[in-house]
């Protein structure tokens, strides 16, 4: 099927609050097997929660590539 793994996300009610009811919601989506020079255009946080996770600061990247433009 070409599926390497799955991501499972769950949404529940707020912690520490007593509610009369709350629906539990679950999202399940597949991830492909990595092939060659593989990069996914989205990560699990982006696909599941709509939150973009950037682990490199733009200033840090600029410092690293600056020598190539001199």
Foldseek 3Di string as FASTA:
>chain_A
DQFDDKDKDKDWDDPPDDDPDIDIDMDIDTDGDADDPDDDPDDPCCVPPVDDDDPDDPVNVCVVCVVVVD
